[in-house]
Amino acid sequence: MSNVDKAKIEEAIKMILEAIGEDPKREGLLETPKRAAKMYEEVIGGVEEDPREYFTTVFHEDHEEVVLVKDIPFHSMCEHHLVPFFGKAHVAYIPQNGVVAGLSKLARAVASTARRPQLQERITSTIADVMTEMLSPKGVYVIVEAEHMCMTMRGIKKPGAKTVTAVSRGIYETDAVKRNEIMQFIQMK
């Protein structure tokens, strides 16, 4: 159940339209406040979601080597400008004591973390911290690469520029060989 106040968003969108000199009663804009409210609920309605929920069920498997889910697409909304940013995340961990998560849970954690007004840096560290807390792995490595519309559409106006953030926990903080191994896996086609 969403806690998003769509009526309040609709009113705010009407006010924005009026503030830029548009007529919210114009045919093309008549339903825009309602559509925008529904879009905001869908795109950034995850403020109350906790990505930890995806790691409450784990499995025990005789596997203590790298697990990597790469190229996980995501979208989020820049909390500074309320415009989208989007890209892909690469999430790796090395299980400890045979504790593994379902592969889809890694992608769900990315989506859940991104579904709120957000910073890319926070997405990256939140995913790594939640996995470290919930799975107690030997190590976690998260890389997020994204294009930010606040850099593409406004300000510097540099379409195609990508921002890359990375967070390492556990063995990945101290073992350069393990970090390099994960980078090679991510670059594999």
C-alpha atoms as a PDB file:
ATOM      1  CA  MET A   1       0.000   0.000   0.000  1.00  0.00           C
ATOM      2  CA  SER A   2       1.441   3.340  -1.040  1.00  0.00           C
ATOM      3  CA  ASN A   3       1.568   6.308   1.314  1.00  0.00           C
ATOM      4  CA  VAL A   4       1.861   8.732  -1.613  1.00  0.00           C
ATOM      5  CA  ASP A   5      -0.651  11.595  -1.400  1.00  0.00           C
ATOM      6  CA  LYS A   6      -1.638  11.745  -5.077  1.00  0.00           C
ATOM      7  CA  ALA A   7      -4.154  14.570  -4.551  1.00  0.00           C
ATOM      8  CA  LYS A   8      -1.383  16.759  -3.135  1.00  0.00           C
ATOM      9  CA  ILE A   9       0.885  15.935  -6.077  1.00  0.00           C
ATOM     10  CA  GLU A  10      -1.922  16.758  -8.529  1.00  0.00           C
ATOM     11  CA  GLU A  11      -2.396  20.150  -6.895  1.00  0.00           C
ATOM     12  CA  ALA A  12       1.360  20.815  -6.981  1.00  0.00           C
ATOM     13  CA  ILE A  13       1.544  19.929 -10.688  1.00  0.00           C
ATOM     14  CA  LYS A  14      -1.353  22.292 -11.431  1.00  0.00           C
ATOM     15  CA  MET A  15       0.541  25.020  -9.572  1.00  0.00           C
ATOM     16  CA  ILE A  16       3.728  24.335 -11.541  1.00  0.00           C
ATOM     17  CA  LEU A  17       1.815  24.517 -14.821  1.00  0.00           C
ATOM     18  CA  GLU A  18       0.290  27.827 -13.791  1.00  0.00           C
ATOM     19  CA  ALA A  19       3.681  29.115 -12.576  1.00  0.00           C
ATOM     20  CA  ILE A  20       5.247  28.549 -16.006  1.00  0.00           C
ATOM     21  CA  GLY A  21       2.351  30.315 -17.747  1.00  0.00           C
ATOM     22  CA  GLU A  22       0.400  27.258 -18.891  1.00  0.00           C
ATOM     23  CA  ASP A  23      -3.314  26.647 -18.544  1.00  0.00           C
ATOM     24  CA  PRO A  24      -3.933  23.389 -16.635  1.00  0.00           C
ATOM     25  CA  LYS A  25      -7.446  23.339 -18.142  1.00  0.00           C
ATOM     26  CA  ARG A  26      -6.063  23.186 -21.680  1.00  0.00           C
ATOM     27  CA  GLU A  27      -7.025  19.930 -23.436  1.00  0.00           C
ATOM     28  CA  GLY A  28      -3.494  18.520 -23.612  1.00  0.00           C
ATOM     29  CA  LEU A  29      -2.837  19.299 -19.942  1.00  0.00           C
ATOM     30  CA  LEU A  30      -6.218  18.459 -18.435  1.00  0.00           C
ATOM     31  CA  GLU A  31      -5.183  14.990 -17.228  1.00  0.00           C
ATOM     32  CA  THR A  32      -1.490  15.812 -16.739  1.00  0.00           C
ATOM     33  CA  PRO A  33      -1.689  16.365 -12.961  1.00  0.00           C
ATOM     34  CA  LYS A  34      -3.394  12.979 -12.499  1.00  0.00           C
ATOM     35  CA  ARG A  35      -0.931  11.213 -14.811  1.00  0.00           C
ATOM     36  CA  ALA A  36       2.043  12.884 -13.104  1.00  0.00           C
ATOM     37  CA  ALA A  37       0.770  11.879  -9.652  1.00  0.00           C
ATOM     38  CA  LYS A  38       0.419   8.274 -10.773  1.00  0.00           C
ATOM     39  CA  MET A  39       3.913   8.394 -12.298  1.00  0.00           C
ATOM     40  CA  TYR A  40       5.456   9.777  -9.089  1.00  0.00           C
ATOM     41  CA  GLU A  41       3.719   7.085  -7.050  1.00  0.00           C
ATOM     42  CA  GLU A  42       5.182   4.427  -9.327  1.00  0.00           C
ATOM     43  CA  VAL A  43       8.681   5.856  -9.729  1.00  0.00           C
ATOM     44  CA  ILE A  44       9.458   7.254  -6.275  1.00  0.00           C
ATOM     45  CA  GLY A  45       6.809   5.677  -4.088  1.00  0.00           C
ATOM     46  CA  GLY A  46       9.340   3.386  -2.417  1.00  0.00           C
ATOM     47  CA  VAL A  47      10.278   5.687   0.445  1.00  0.00           C
ATOM     48  CA  GLU A  48       8.769   3.249   2.950  1.00  0.00           C
ATOM     49  CA  GLU A  49      10.326   0.139   1.355  1.00  0.00           C
ATOM     50  CA  ASP A  50      13.194  -1.565   3.139  1.00  0.00           C
ATOM     51  CA  PRO A  51      15.585  -3.543   0.898  1.00  0.00           C
ATOM     52  CA  ARG A  52      16.413  -5.776   3.885  1.00  0.00           C
ATOM     53  CA  GLU A  53      13.125  -7.587   3.295  1.00  0.00           C
ATOM     54  CA  TYR A  54      14.647  -9.288   0.232  1.00  0.00           C
ATOM     55  CA  PHE A  55      17.297 -10.981   2.344  1.00  0.00           C
ATOM     56  CA  THR A  56      15.152 -12.390   5.135  1.00  0.00           C
ATOM     57  CA  THR A  57      14.917 -15.707   3.292  1.00  0.00           C
ATOM     58  CA  VAL A  58      18.284 -17.261   2.547  1.00  0.00           C
ATOM     59  CA  PHE A  59      19.467 -20.646   1.368  1.00  0.00           C
ATOM     60  CA  HIS A  60      22.355 -22.795   2.458  1.00  0.00           C
ATOM     61  CA  GLU A  61      24.509 -24.028  -0.358  1.00  0.00           C
ATOM     62  CA  ASP A  62      28.042 -25.370  -0.452  1.00  0.00           C
ATOM     63  CA  HIS A  63      29.266 -22.333  -2.394  1.00  0.00           C
ATOM     64  CA  GLU A  64      31.750 -19.783  -1.118  1.00  0.00           C
ATOM     65  CA  GLU A  65      32.968 -18.233  -4.358  1.00  0.00           C
ATOM     66  CA  VAL A  66      31.816 -15.167  -6.263  1.00  0.00           C
ATOM     67  CA  VAL A  67      28.138 -14.593  -6.998  1.00  0.00           C
ATOM     68  CA  LEU A  68      27.615 -11.724  -9.425  1.00  0.00           C
ATOM     69  CA  VAL A  69      24.440 -10.334 -10.949  1.00  0.00           C
ATOM     70  CA  LYS A  70      25.456  -7.691 -13.451  1.00  0.00           C
ATOM     71  CA  ASP A  71      23.721  -5.213 -15.719  1.00  0.00           C
ATOM     72  CA  ILE A  72      20.698  -4.824 -13.424  1.00  0.00           C
ATOM     73  CA  PRO A  73      18.744  -1.951 -14.994  1.00  0.00           C
ATOM     74  CA  PHE A  74      17.312   0.654 -12.639  1.00  0.00           C
ATOM     75  CA  HIS A  75      15.900   4.149 -12.631  1.00  0.00           C
ATOM     76  CA  SER A  76      15.639   6.652  -9.849  1.00  0.00           C
ATOM     77  CA  MET A  77      14.943  10.320  -9.254  1.00  0.00           C
ATOM     78  CA  CYS A  78      17.676  12.790  -8.330  1.00  0.00           C
ATOM     79  CA  GLU A  79      16.769  14.224  -4.941  1.00  0.00           C
ATOM     80  CA  HIS A  80      18.398  17.556  -5.830  1.00  0.00           C
ATOM     81  CA  HIS A  81      16.386  18.287  -9.002  1.00  0.00           C
ATOM     82  CA  LEU A  82      13.601  15.660  -9.097  1.00  0.00           C
ATOM     83  CA  VAL A  83      14.608  14.546 -12.571  1.00  0.00           C
ATOM     84  CA  PRO A  84      15.419  10.948 -13.488  1.00  0.00           C
ATOM     85  CA  PHE A  85      18.690   9.159 -13.568  1.00  0.00           C
ATOM     86  CA  PHE A  86      19.028   5.647 -14.862  1.00  0.00           C
ATOM     87  CA  GLY A  87      21.592   3.003 -15.538  1.00  0.00           C
ATOM     88  CA  LYS A  88      22.711  -0.382 -14.366  1.00  0.00           C
ATOM     89  CA  ALA A  89      24.040  -1.925 -11.201  1.00  0.00           C
ATOM     90  CA  HIS A  90      26.482  -4.781 -10.745  1.00  0.00           C
ATOM     91  CA  VAL A  91      26.162  -6.583  -7.413  1.00  0.00           C
ATOM     92  CA  ALA A  92      28.672  -9.193  -6.264  1.00  0.00           C
ATOM     93  CA  TYR A  93      29.275 -11.038  -3.043  1.00  0.00           C
ATOM     94  CA  ILE A  94      31.207 -13.986  -1.711  1.00  0.00           C
ATOM     95  CA  PRO A  95      29.007 -16.125   0.532  1.00  0.00           C
ATOM     96  CA  GLN A  96      30.218 -17.205   3.936  1.00  0.00           C
ATOM     97  CA  ASN A  97      29.125 -20.373   5.725  1.00  0.00           C
ATOM     98  CA  GLY A  98      27.088 -21.294   2.638  1.00  0.00           C
ATOM     99  CA  VAL A  99      24.543 -18.460   3.115  1.00  0.00           C
ATOM    100  CA  VAL A 100      23.220 -17.399  -0.296  1.00  0.00           C
ATOM    101  CA  ALA A 101      20.339 -15.210  -1.417  1.00  0.00           C
ATOM    102  CA  GLY A 102      18.027 -15.872  -4.342  1.00  0.00           C
ATOM    103  CA  LEU A 103      19.481 -14.164  -7.416  1.00  0.00           C
ATOM    104  CA  SER A 104      16.325 -12.147  -8.065  1.00  0.00           C
ATOM    105  CA  LYS A 105      16.657 -10.696  -4.565  1.00  0.00           C
ATOM    106  CA  LEU A 106      19.761  -8.788  -5.621  1.00  0.00           C
ATOM    107  CA  ALA A 107      17.832  -7.127  -8.463  1.00  0.00           C
ATOM    108  CA  ARG A 108      14.858  -6.462  -6.177  1.00  0.00           C
ATOM    109  CA  ALA A 109      17.125  -4.790  -3.617  1.00  0.00           C
ATOM    110  CA  VAL A 110      18.487  -2.503  -6.344  1.00  0.00           C
ATOM    111  CA  ALA A 111      14.979  -1.548  -7.505  1.00  0.00           C
ATOM    112  CA  SER A 112      13.707  -1.012  -3.972  1.00  0.00           C
ATOM    113  CA  THR A 113      16.655   1.182  -3.025  1.00  0.00           C
ATOM    114  CA  ALA A 114      16.288   3.276  -6.185  1.00  0.00           C
ATOM    115  CA  ARG A 115      12.521   3.890  -5.833  1.00  0.00           C
ATOM    116  CA  ARG A 116      12.789   7.135  -3.878  1.00  0.00           C
ATOM    117  CA  PRO A 117      14.299  10.576  -4.268  1.00  0.00           C
ATOM    118  CA  GLN A 118      17.889   9.469  -4.132  1.00  0.00           C
ATOM    119  CA  LEU A 119      21.586   9.980  -4.731  1.00  0.00           C
ATOM    120  CA  GLN A 120      23.553   7.442  -6.741  1.00  0.00           C
ATOM    121  CA  GLU A 121      26.186   7.273  -4.031  1.00  0.00           C
ATOM    122  CA  ARG A 122      23.528   6.311  -1.474  1.00  0.00           C
ATOM    123  CA  ILE A 123      22.075   3.597  -3.708  1.00  0.00           C
ATOM    124  CA  THR A 124      25.520   2.037  -4.019  1.00  0.00           C
ATOM    125  CA  SER A 125      26.363   2.099  -0.314  1.00  0.00           C
ATOM    126  CA  THR A 126      22.863   1.092   0.835  1.00  0.00           C
ATOM    127  CA  ILE A 127      22.889  -2.068  -1.268  1.00  0.00           C
ATOM    128  CA  ALA A 128      26.371  -3.011  -0.035  1.00  0.00           C
ATOM    129  CA  ASP A 129      25.517  -2.274   3.606  1.00  0.00           C
ATOM    130  CA  VAL A 130      22.206  -4.171   3.547  1.00  0.00           C
ATOM    131  CA  MET A 131      23.818  -7.233   1.962  1.00  0.00           C
ATOM    132  CA  THR A 132      26.664  -7.117   4.478  1.00  0.00           C
ATOM    133  CA  GLU A 133      24.227  -6.856   7.369  1.00  0.00           C
ATOM    134  CA  MET A 134      21.763  -9.494   6.196  1.00  0.00           C
ATOM    135  CA  LEU A 135      24.046 -12.103   4.575  1.00  0.00           C
ATOM    136  CA  SER A 136      27.309 -11.720   6.549  1.00  0.00           C
ATOM    137  CA  PRO A 137      29.304 -12.541   3.405  1.00  0.00           C
ATOM    138  CA  LYS A 138      33.078 -12.592   3.080  1.00  0.00           C
ATOM    139  CA  GLY A 139      32.761  -9.556   0.864  1.00  0.00           C
ATOM    140  CA  VAL A 140      30.375  -7.377  -1.144  1.00  0.00           C
ATOM    141  CA  TYR A 141      31.177  -5.227  -4.168  1.00  0.00           C
ATOM    142  CA  VAL A 142      28.587  -2.948  -5.770  1.00  0.00           C
ATOM    143  CA  ILE A 143      29.133  -0.791  -8.838  1.00  0.00           C
ATOM    144  CA  VAL A 144      26.451   1.549 -10.147  1.00  0.00           C
ATOM    145  CA  GLU A 145      26.749   3.424 -13.425  1.00  0.00           C
ATOM    146  CA  ALA A 146      24.127   5.925 -14.472  1.00  0.00           C
ATOM    147  CA  GLU A 147      23.253   8.849 -16.684  1.00  0.00           C
ATOM    148  CA  HIS A 148      21.742  11.774 -14.814  1.00  0.00           C
ATOM    149  CA  MET A 149      19.174  13.931 -16.579  1.00  0.00           C
ATOM    150  CA  CYS A 150      20.177  16.842 -14.327  1.00  0.00           C
ATOM    151  CA  MET A 151      23.496  16.796 -16.232  1.00  0.00           C
ATOM    152  CA  THR A 152      21.921  16.018 -19.606  1.00  0.00           C
ATOM    153  CA  MET A 153      18.927  18.371 -19.695  1.00  0.00           C
ATOM    154  CA  ARG A 154      20.115  21.287 -17.578  1.00  0.00           C
ATOM    155  CA  GLY A 155      23.266  22.751 -16.098  1.00  0.00           C
ATOM    156  CA  ILE A 156      26.300  21.456 -17.949  1.00  0.00           C
ATOM    157  CA  LYS A 157      24.126  19.740 -20.629  1.00  0.00           C
ATOM    158  CA  LYS A 158      26.383  16.771 -21.363  1.00  0.00           C
ATOM    159  CA  PRO A 159      24.240  13.889 -22.664  1.00  0.00           C
ATOM    160  CA  GLY A 160      25.871  10.509 -22.478  1.00  0.00           C
ATOM    161  CA  ALA A 161      28.111  11.344 -19.521  1.00  0.00           C
ATOM    162  CA  LYS A 162      28.036   8.461 -17.034  1.00  0.00           C
ATOM    163  CA  THR A 163      28.676   8.569 -13.318  1.00  0.00           C
ATOM    164  CA  VAL A 164      30.190   5.455 -11.759  1.00  0.00           C
ATOM    165  CA  THR A 165      30.121   4.740  -8.037  1.00  0.00           C
ATOM    166  CA  ALA A 166      31.580   1.705  -6.307  1.00  0.00           C
ATOM    167  CA  VAL A 167      31.471   0.384  -2.769  1.00  0.00           C
ATOM    168  CA  SER A 168      33.457  -2.518  -1.375  1.00  0.00           C
ATOM    169  CA  ARG A 169      32.926  -4.311   1.905  1.00  0.00           C
ATOM    170  CA  GLY A 170      34.809  -7.127   3.573  1.00  0.00           C
ATOM    171  CA  ILE A 171      37.455  -8.919   1.532  1.00  0.00           C
ATOM    172  CA  TYR A 172      36.922  -6.583  -1.427  1.00  0.00           C
ATOM    173  CA  GLU A 173      38.220  -3.676   0.663  1.00  0.00           C
ATOM    174  CA  THR A 174      41.605  -5.301   1.231  1.00  0.00           C
ATOM    175  CA  ASP A 175      42.157  -7.816  -1.567  1.00  0.00           C
ATOM    176  CA  ALA A 176      43.115  -6.159  -4.866  1.00  0.00           C
ATOM    177  CA  VAL A 177      43.151  -9.538  -6.642  1.00  0.00           C
ATOM    178  CA  LYS A 178      39.501 -10.160  -5.691  1.00  0.00           C
ATOM    179  CA  ARG A 179      38.521  -6.612  -6.775  1.00  0.00           C
ATOM    180  CA  ASN A 180      40.266  -7.090 -10.134  1.00  0.00           C
ATOM    181  CA  GLU A 181      38.556 -10.461 -10.574  1.00  0.00           C
ATOM    182  CA  ILE A 182      35.121  -8.896 -10.118  1.00  0.00           C
ATOM    183  CA  MET A 183      35.983  -6.094 -12.564  1.00  0.00           C
ATOM    184  CA  GLN A 184      36.961  -8.683 -15.179  1.00  0.00           C
ATOM    185  CA  PHE A 185      33.677 -10.539 -14.649  1.00  0.00           C
ATOM    186  CA  ILE A 186      31.702  -7.319 -15.039  1.00  0.00           C
ATOM    187  CA  GLN A 187      33.500  -6.471 -18.285  1.00  0.00           C
ATOM    188  CA  MET A 188      32.832  -9.917 -19.796  1.00  0.00           C
ATOM    189  CA  LYS A 189      30.245  -9.946 -22.554  1.00  0.00           C
END
